[in-house]
Amino acid sequence: MKILQIIQRPQLRGAEVFTCQLSTHLIDQGIEVVIVFLFAGKGKIPFNGKIINANANERNKLFDYSGWKKLSQIIKEEAPSIVQANAADTLKYAVLSKLIFKWDQPVIFRNASIVSLYLRSVLQKSYNSFLYKHVSKVISVSEQSRQDIIKLFPHLVDKSLTIPIGVEEVATSEINPFIGFENKTNIVHVGGFTFEKNHKGLLRIFSKAAKDNPNLHLWMIGDGPLKKEIEEIVSEMQIRDQVHLVGFVGNAQDYISFAECLVLPSIIEGLPAVIIEAMALRTPVVAYNVGGIKEILSNDKTGWLIEKDDEESFSVMINEALKSNPARKQIIDRAFEEVQLNYLNSKIAAKFQSVYKSYVS
């Protein structure tokens, strides 16, 4: 069996990283995998197998005939059993290439978000409905994501299932990135600087929490189009001494491992891997109840879950999550056990393999 995985570009974003990790485990389980990326990127993805550049034209991705043709040529040469498209533009490229150049392999689409929040116009919905009609299976990252997509496109009911994102088995880091701030209370946020991650709301939440805890420091890990704007807001709020915009780092797990808490006030999520990584590293998590987060995070059991936009409660719960007591330890232990039971990539890969086999057989 051979799987051709399509990703957006070489970048250390959730969808791409998980695809690489999944592919590595599939290879360990005896499946051949090749990864194809559509657009050029400066990142290096964590995959040691075969990687192919489709040289698609991102500036003309709505009518990229040469990109669709190049993808069809790759599929003809590689002769995979299944083509899996992983989020973003990969669905469009896979389906249009299949329809125009008549290759036969089934297309599986991995849905990593809440689709309805992005498709607002009738034209967008109609176009995506057309694309989804030509896939064999839609694998959603959370049950919330699955329910959302079948509500939007009822014809997907029999084609859809849920397989969550997973994480690698990780050991607690021994490298403390908070050099010079060891005596501070360090909390961390990991995510690209895009509107979904709600950095503006995070700054308001932190400012409130810091009033009750002057020792609190926020470390924001990531890069993106809104980073400069957020830097300006930090200066305007006069909290530069306590808020650190680190930028992109290759060692985000070090920050998570040594942080007292991970905070994630996103307004849109599928099921973010960073929450599962924090749980695996025994770092408590405070997050908004959006997307599939409630499927892994629950109050007083595995973390602190706040209703979306309730910034006051979020700030209070940050300080609650920082209290060193038996209840906090129990939450951390249960969260760790949940990951070991249900969210390790080796187990997640076996679920994907089962889906693949149903088509190959």
Protein backbone atom coordinates (compact mmCIF):
# COMPACT_ATOMS: atom_id res chain seq x y z
CA MET A 1 0.00 0.00 0.00
CA LYS A 2 1.23 3.50 -0.84
CA ILE A 3 -0.21 6.80 0.38
CA LEU A 4 0.45 10.15 -1.28
CA GLN A 5 0.02 12.94 1.26
CA ILE A 6 -0.60 16.48 -0.02
CA ILE A 7 0.26 19.44 2.23
CA GLN A 8 0.09 23.20 1.66
CA ARG A 9 3.81 24.01 1.95
CA PRO A 10 6.88 23.11 4.03
CA GLN A 11 6.08 24.82 7.32
CA LEU A 12 5.86 23.93 10.99
CA ARG A 13 2.12 24.46 11.19
CA GLY A 14 -0.20 21.98 12.90
CA ALA A 15 -1.64 20.36 9.76
CA GLU A 16 1.75 19.89 8.12
CA VAL A 17 3.54 18.69 11.25
CA PHE A 18 0.85 16.13 12.03
CA THR A 19 0.88 14.87 8.43
CA CYS A 20 4.64 14.31 8.68
CA GLN A 21 4.37 12.57 12.04
CA LEU A 22 1.49 10.42 10.80
CA SER A 23 3.44 9.51 7.68
CA THR A 24 6.48 8.46 9.71
CA HIS A 25 4.35 6.12 11.83
CA LEU A 26 2.67 4.71 8.73
CA ILE A 27 6.09 3.87 7.31
CA ASP A 28 6.97 2.16 10.60
CA GLN A 29 3.77 0.11 10.17
CA GLY A 30 4.84 -1.04 6.71
CA ILE A 31 3.07 1.49 4.47
CA GLU A 32 4.92 3.42 1.78
CA VAL A 33 4.38 7.19 1.95
CA VAL A 34 5.39 10.14 -0.20
CA ILE A 35 4.64 13.77 0.73
CA VAL A 36 3.85 16.38 -1.92
CA PHE A 37 3.75 20.08 -1.09
CA LEU A 38 1.90 22.54 -3.28
CA PHE A 39 3.62 25.86 -2.68
CA ALA A 40 7.19 26.88 -1.93
CA GLY A 41 8.10 27.53 1.70
CA LYS A 42 11.19 28.23 3.78
CA GLY A 43 10.34 25.79 6.55
CA LYS A 44 11.80 22.31 6.96
CA ILE A 45 9.19 19.67 7.68
CA PRO A 46 9.94 16.79 10.08
CA PHE A 47 9.91 13.94 7.55
CA ASN A 48 12.84 11.87 6.34
CA GLY A 49 10.99 10.11 3.51
CA LYS A 50 10.39 11.17 -0.07
CA ILE A 51 9.20 14.76 -0.52
CA ILE A 52 8.12 16.25 -3.88
CA ASN A 53 7.52 19.90 -4.81
CA ALA A 54 4.43 20.30 -7.02
CA ASN A 55 5.53 23.85 -7.97
CA ALA A 56 1.95 25.11 -7.87
CA ASN A 57 1.28 28.80 -8.45
CA GLU A 58 -0.07 30.30 -5.24
CA ARG A 59 -0.81 33.62 -6.93
CA ASN A 60 -3.14 31.90 -9.39
CA LYS A 61 -4.39 29.03 -7.25
CA LEU A 62 -8.01 29.49 -8.34
CA PHE A 63 -7.12 28.63 -11.95
CA ASP A 64 -3.77 26.88 -11.66
CA TYR A 65 -4.05 24.47 -14.58
CA SER A 66 -0.30 23.80 -14.63
CA GLY A 67 -0.36 23.02 -10.91
CA TRP A 68 -3.22 20.57 -11.32
CA LYS A 69 -1.38 18.96 -14.24
CA LYS A 70 1.88 18.70 -12.30
CA LEU A 71 0.04 17.01 -9.44
CA SER A 72 -1.52 14.52 -11.86
CA GLN A 73 1.93 13.74 -13.29
CA ILE A 74 3.28 13.09 -9.81
CA ILE A 75 0.36 10.77 -9.05
CA LYS A 76 0.90 8.92 -12.33
CA GLU A 77 4.61 8.47 -11.59
CA GLU A 78 4.21 7.52 -7.94
CA ALA A 79 1.11 5.35 -8.48
CA PRO A 80 -0.22 5.60 -4.91
CA SER A 81 -3.11 3.53 -3.64
CA ILE A 82 -4.74 6.57 -2.01
CA VAL A 83 -4.31 10.36 -2.18
CA GLN A 84 -4.83 12.20 1.10
CA ALA A 85 -5.34 15.98 1.05
CA ASN A 86 -4.51 17.68 4.34
CA ALA A 87 -6.38 20.93 4.98
CA ALA A 88 -6.32 24.33 3.24
CA ASP A 89 -5.94 24.36 -0.58
CA THR A 90 -5.02 20.68 -0.84
CA LEU A 91 -8.66 19.62 -1.31
CA LYS A 92 -9.14 21.92 -4.30
CA TYR A 93 -5.92 20.84 -6.00
CA ALA A 94 -6.57 17.13 -5.45
CA VAL A 95 -10.17 17.16 -6.71
CA LEU A 96 -9.63 19.43 -9.72
CA SER A 97 -6.52 17.50 -10.77
CA LYS A 98 -8.47 14.23 -10.49
CA LEU A 99 -11.43 15.52 -12.51
CA ILE A 100 -9.43 17.18 -15.28
CA PHE A 101 -6.70 14.58 -15.73
CA LYS A 102 -8.81 11.50 -14.95
CA TRP A 103 -6.69 9.66 -12.39
CA ASP A 104 -8.50 6.95 -10.45
CA GLN A 105 -7.17 6.93 -6.90
CA PRO A 106 -9.65 7.73 -4.11
CA VAL A 107 -9.19 11.09 -2.39
CA ILE A 108 -9.38 11.30 1.39
CA PHE A 109 -9.61 14.78 2.88
CA ARG A 110 -8.44 15.58 6.40
CA ASN A 111 -10.63 18.33 7.86
CA ALA A 112 -8.64 20.14 10.56
CA SER A 113 -10.94 23.04 11.44
CA ILE A 114 -14.52 24.32 11.71
CA VAL A 115 -15.40 24.75 8.04
CA SER A 116 -18.60 26.78 8.49
CA LEU A 117 -16.67 29.67 10.06
CA TYR A 118 -14.72 30.18 6.84
CA LEU A 119 -17.43 29.62 4.21
CA ARG A 120 -19.73 32.61 4.47
CA SER A 121 -21.04 33.24 0.97
CA VAL A 122 -23.40 31.09 -1.08
CA LEU A 123 -20.76 30.86 -3.81
CA GLN A 124 -18.13 29.56 -1.38
CA LYS A 125 -20.51 26.95 -0.02
CA SER A 126 -21.59 25.81 -3.48
CA TYR A 127 -18.01 25.53 -4.70
CA ASN A 128 -16.90 23.54 -1.66
CA SER A 129 -19.97 21.32 -1.86
CA PHE A 130 -18.90 20.47 -5.41
CA LEU A 131 -15.37 19.61 -4.21
CA TYR A 132 -16.58 17.43 -1.34
CA LYS A 133 -18.82 15.42 -3.67
CA HIS A 134 -15.68 14.07 -5.32
CA VAL A 135 -13.90 12.79 -2.19
CA SER A 136 -14.23 9.26 -0.89
CA LYS A 137 -13.88 10.09 2.80
CA VAL A 138 -13.63 13.12 5.07
CA ILE A 139 -11.67 12.51 8.27
CA SER A 140 -12.30 15.28 10.79
CA VAL A 141 -9.92 16.16 13.58
CA SER A 142 -12.70 16.32 16.18
CA GLU A 143 -16.32 15.27 16.50
CA GLN A 144 -17.27 18.95 16.64
CA SER A 145 -15.53 19.45 13.29
CA ARG A 146 -17.34 16.44 11.83
CA GLN A 147 -20.76 17.58 13.03
CA ASP A 148 -20.09 21.04 11.64
CA ILE A 149 -19.16 19.82 8.17
CA ILE A 150 -22.08 17.38 7.80
CA LYS A 151 -24.49 20.09 8.93
CA LEU A 152 -23.11 22.31 6.18
CA PHE A 153 -22.91 19.49 3.62
CA PRO A 154 -25.42 16.74 4.53
CA HIS A 155 -24.28 14.56 1.63
CA LEU A 156 -21.10 13.87 3.63
CA VAL A 157 -22.88 11.98 6.43
CA ASP A 158 -21.92 8.55 5.12
CA LYS A 159 -18.47 9.70 4.05
CA SER A 160 -17.32 11.23 7.32
CA LEU A 161 -15.65 10.00 10.48
CA THR A 162 -13.53 11.41 13.29
CA ILE A 163 -9.90 10.59 13.97
CA PRO A 164 -8.28 13.09 16.34
CA ILE A 165 -4.88 14.66 16.00
CA GLY A 166 -2.14 13.01 18.03
CA VAL A 167 1.28 13.78 19.45
CA GLU A 168 4.60 12.03 19.71
CA GLU A 169 5.72 10.49 22.97
CA VAL A 170 7.77 13.26 24.55
CA ALA A 171 9.93 13.55 27.62
CA THR A 172 9.96 16.63 29.81
CA SER A 173 12.61 19.02 28.54
CA GLU A 174 15.78 19.62 30.49
CA ILE A 175 16.55 22.92 28.76
CA ASN A 176 14.92 25.85 30.53
CA PRO A 177 14.29 28.67 28.00
CA PHE A 178 13.28 31.14 30.73
CA ILE A 179 16.87 32.09 31.59
CA GLY A 180 16.85 35.09 33.90
CA PHE A 181 13.13 34.67 34.59
CA GLU A 182 13.26 31.50 36.73
CA ASN A 183 11.85 33.40 39.71
CA LYS A 184 8.87 34.64 37.68
CA THR A 185 5.54 32.91 37.00
CA ASN A 186 5.86 32.10 33.31
CA ILE A 187 2.84 31.21 31.19
CA VAL A 188 3.01 30.47 27.48
CA HIS A 189 0.93 30.77 24.31
CA VAL A 190 1.92 28.90 21.16
CA GLY A 191 0.30 29.76 17.82
CA GLY A 192 0.64 31.69 14.60
CA PHE A 193 -0.22 35.38 14.71
CA THR A 194 -3.55 35.11 12.87
CA PHE A 195 -7.02 36.30 13.84
CA GLU A 196 -8.12 32.79 14.88
CA LYS A 197 -5.65 32.74 17.76
CA ASN A 198 -7.08 35.93 19.28
CA HIS A 199 -3.84 37.55 20.48
CA LYS A 200 -5.62 40.83 21.22
CA GLY A 201 -7.99 39.06 23.56
CA LEU A 202 -5.06 37.23 25.12
CA LEU A 203 -3.36 40.51 25.97
CA ARG A 204 -6.52 41.82 27.65
CA ILE A 205 -6.86 38.57 29.60
CA PHE A 206 -3.23 38.65 30.67
CA SER A 207 -3.45 42.28 31.75
CA LYS A 208 -6.34 41.41 34.08
CA ALA A 209 -4.63 38.32 35.46
CA ALA A 210 -1.40 40.25 36.07
CA LYS A 211 -3.20 42.77 38.28
CA ASP A 212 -3.73 39.98 40.81
CA ASN A 213 -0.34 38.42 40.11
CA PRO A 214 2.36 41.05 39.38
CA ASN A 215 4.94 38.26 39.06
CA LEU A 216 3.16 36.91 35.96
CA HIS A 217 4.98 36.83 32.60
CA LEU A 218 3.48 35.88 29.22
CA TRP A 219 5.60 34.29 26.48
CA MET A 220 4.06 34.35 23.01
CA ILE A 221 5.61 31.78 20.66
CA GLY A 222 5.01 32.01 16.92
CA ASP A 223 5.07 34.28 13.92
CA GLY A 224 2.57 35.54 11.38
CA PRO A 225 0.93 38.53 9.69
CA LEU A 226 -0.43 40.12 12.90
CA LYS A 227 2.78 39.98 14.92
CA LYS A 228 3.81 43.59 14.29
CA GLU A 229 0.35 44.87 15.25
CA ILE A 230 0.43 42.85 18.48
CA GLU A 231 3.87 44.26 19.32
CA GLU A 232 2.44 47.77 18.97
CA ILE A 233 -0.51 46.93 21.25
CA VAL A 234 1.86 45.53 23.87
CA SER A 235 3.69 48.87 23.86
CA GLU A 236 0.44 50.86 24.04
CA MET A 237 -0.72 48.77 27.01
CA GLN A 238 2.65 49.36 28.72
CA ILE A 239 3.19 45.69 29.47
CA ARG A 240 6.42 45.15 27.55
CA ASP A 241 8.25 44.20 30.75
CA GLN A 242 5.90 41.24 31.26
CA VAL A 243 4.99 40.17 27.71
CA HIS A 244 7.64 38.53 25.53
CA LEU A 245 7.07 38.01 21.80
CA VAL A 246 9.58 35.29 21.10
CA GLY A 247 8.77 34.67 17.43
CA PHE A 248 9.16 31.33 15.73
CA VAL A 249 11.26 28.79 17.62
CA GLY A 250 12.14 25.19 16.92
CA ASN A 251 11.95 24.30 20.60
CA ALA A 252 8.39 25.27 21.54
CA GLN A 253 8.17 22.13 23.70
CA ASP A 254 10.91 23.54 25.95
CA TYR A 255 8.74 26.58 26.64
CA ILE A 256 5.66 24.44 27.23
CA SER A 257 7.56 22.03 29.46
CA PHE A 258 8.92 24.74 31.77
CA ALA A 259 5.84 26.98 31.74
CA GLU A 260 3.49 27.03 34.70
CA CYS A 261 0.51 27.06 32.35
CA LEU A 262 -0.44 27.04 28.65
CA VAL A 263 -3.16 29.52 27.63
CA LEU A 264 -5.20 29.28 24.42
CA PRO A 265 -8.05 31.79 24.01
CA SER A 266 -8.60 30.97 20.32
CA ILE A 267 -11.88 31.90 18.65
CA ILE A 268 -11.60 29.12 16.01
CA GLU A 269 -10.00 25.70 16.46
CA GLY A 270 -10.43 22.14 15.26
CA LEU A 271 -8.45 20.25 17.88
CA PRO A 272 -5.10 22.00 18.50
CA ALA A 273 -2.11 19.70 18.98
CA VAL A 274 -0.47 22.20 21.31
CA ILE A 275 -3.06 21.40 24.00
CA ILE A 276 -2.31 17.69 23.73
CA GLU A 277 1.44 18.39 23.82
CA ALA A 278 1.01 20.42 27.01
CA MET A 279 -1.00 17.64 28.62
CA ALA A 280 1.70 15.13 27.64
CA LEU A 281 4.32 17.42 29.21
CA ARG A 282 2.27 17.77 32.41
CA THR A 283 1.64 21.48 31.86
CA PRO A 284 -1.87 22.64 32.83
CA VAL A 285 -4.05 24.20 30.12
CA VAL A 286 -6.58 27.04 30.20
CA ALA A 287 -8.53 27.43 26.96
CA TYR A 288 -11.73 28.72 25.41
CA ASN A 289 -14.46 26.18 24.66
CA VAL A 290 -14.32 26.32 20.86
CA GLY A 291 -14.20 23.63 18.20
CA GLY A 292 -13.22 20.23 19.50
CA ILE A 293 -11.30 21.44 22.56
CA LYS A 294 -14.02 20.27 24.94
CA GLU A 295 -13.52 16.73 23.65
CA ILE A 296 -10.20 16.56 25.44
CA LEU A 297 -10.29 19.39 27.98
CA SER A 298 -12.89 19.43 30.75
CA ASN A 299 -13.12 21.46 33.93
CA ASP A 300 -11.75 19.89 37.11
CA LYS A 301 -10.75 16.77 35.13
CA THR A 302 -8.12 17.54 32.51
CA GLY A 303 -7.87 21.33 32.52
CA TRP A 304 -9.72 24.63 32.72
CA LEU A 305 -12.30 25.31 30.02
CA ILE A 306 -13.81 28.79 29.62
CA GLU A 307 -16.76 29.83 27.49
CA LYS A 308 -15.70 31.85 24.46
CA ASP A 309 -15.25 35.63 25.00
CA ASP A 310 -15.51 35.39 28.81
CA GLU A 311 -12.24 37.21 29.38
CA GLU A 312 -12.93 37.89 33.06
CA SER A 313 -13.34 34.18 33.87
CA PHE A 314 -10.33 33.30 31.75
CA SER A 315 -8.10 35.68 33.72
CA VAL A 316 -9.40 34.29 37.02
CA MET A 317 -8.84 30.70 35.88
CA ILE A 318 -5.25 31.41 34.89
CA ASN A 319 -4.42 32.26 38.47
CA GLU A 320 -6.51 29.29 39.66
CA ALA A 321 -4.51 26.96 37.43
CA LEU A 322 -1.28 28.31 38.90
CA LYS A 323 -2.14 27.37 42.49
CA SER A 324 0.00 24.52 43.75
CA ASN A 325 -2.41 22.10 45.45
CA PRO A 326 -3.56 18.45 45.24
CA ALA A 327 -6.45 19.31 42.90
CA ARG A 328 -4.05 20.82 40.35
CA LYS A 329 -1.82 17.75 40.51
CA GLN A 330 -4.80 15.44 39.93
CA ILE A 331 -5.85 17.44 36.86
CA ILE A 332 -2.32 17.28 35.45
CA ASP A 333 -2.11 13.52 36.08
CA ARG A 334 -5.50 12.81 34.47
CA ALA A 335 -4.60 14.94 31.46
CA PHE A 336 -1.35 13.02 31.01
CA GLU A 337 -3.16 9.67 31.25
CA GLU A 338 -5.74 10.79 28.67
CA VAL A 339 -2.99 11.49 26.15
CA GLN A 340 -1.28 8.15 26.77
CA LEU A 341 -4.56 6.27 26.27
CA ASN A 342 -6.03 8.06 23.27
CA TYR A 343 -3.77 10.62 21.61
CA LEU A 344 -0.38 9.08 20.83
CA ASN A 345 0.46 9.20 17.14
CA SER A 346 1.35 5.52 17.01
CA LYS A 347 -2.26 4.69 17.93
CA ILE A 348 -3.71 7.41 15.69
CA ALA A 349 -1.74 6.05 12.71
CA ALA A 350 -3.29 2.62 13.21
CA LYS A 351 -6.75 4.19 12.84
CA PHE A 352 -5.76 5.83 9.57
CA GLN A 353 -4.29 2.56 8.35
CA SER A 354 -7.62 0.85 9.02
CA VAL A 355 -9.40 3.42 6.81
CA TYR A 356 -6.83 3.01 4.03
CA LYS A 357 -7.15 -0.76 4.06
CA SER A 358 -10.92 -0.55 3.58
CA TYR A 359 -10.29 1.13 0.21
CA VAL A 360 -7.34 -0.94 -0.93
CA SER A 361 -9.16 -4.20 -0.23
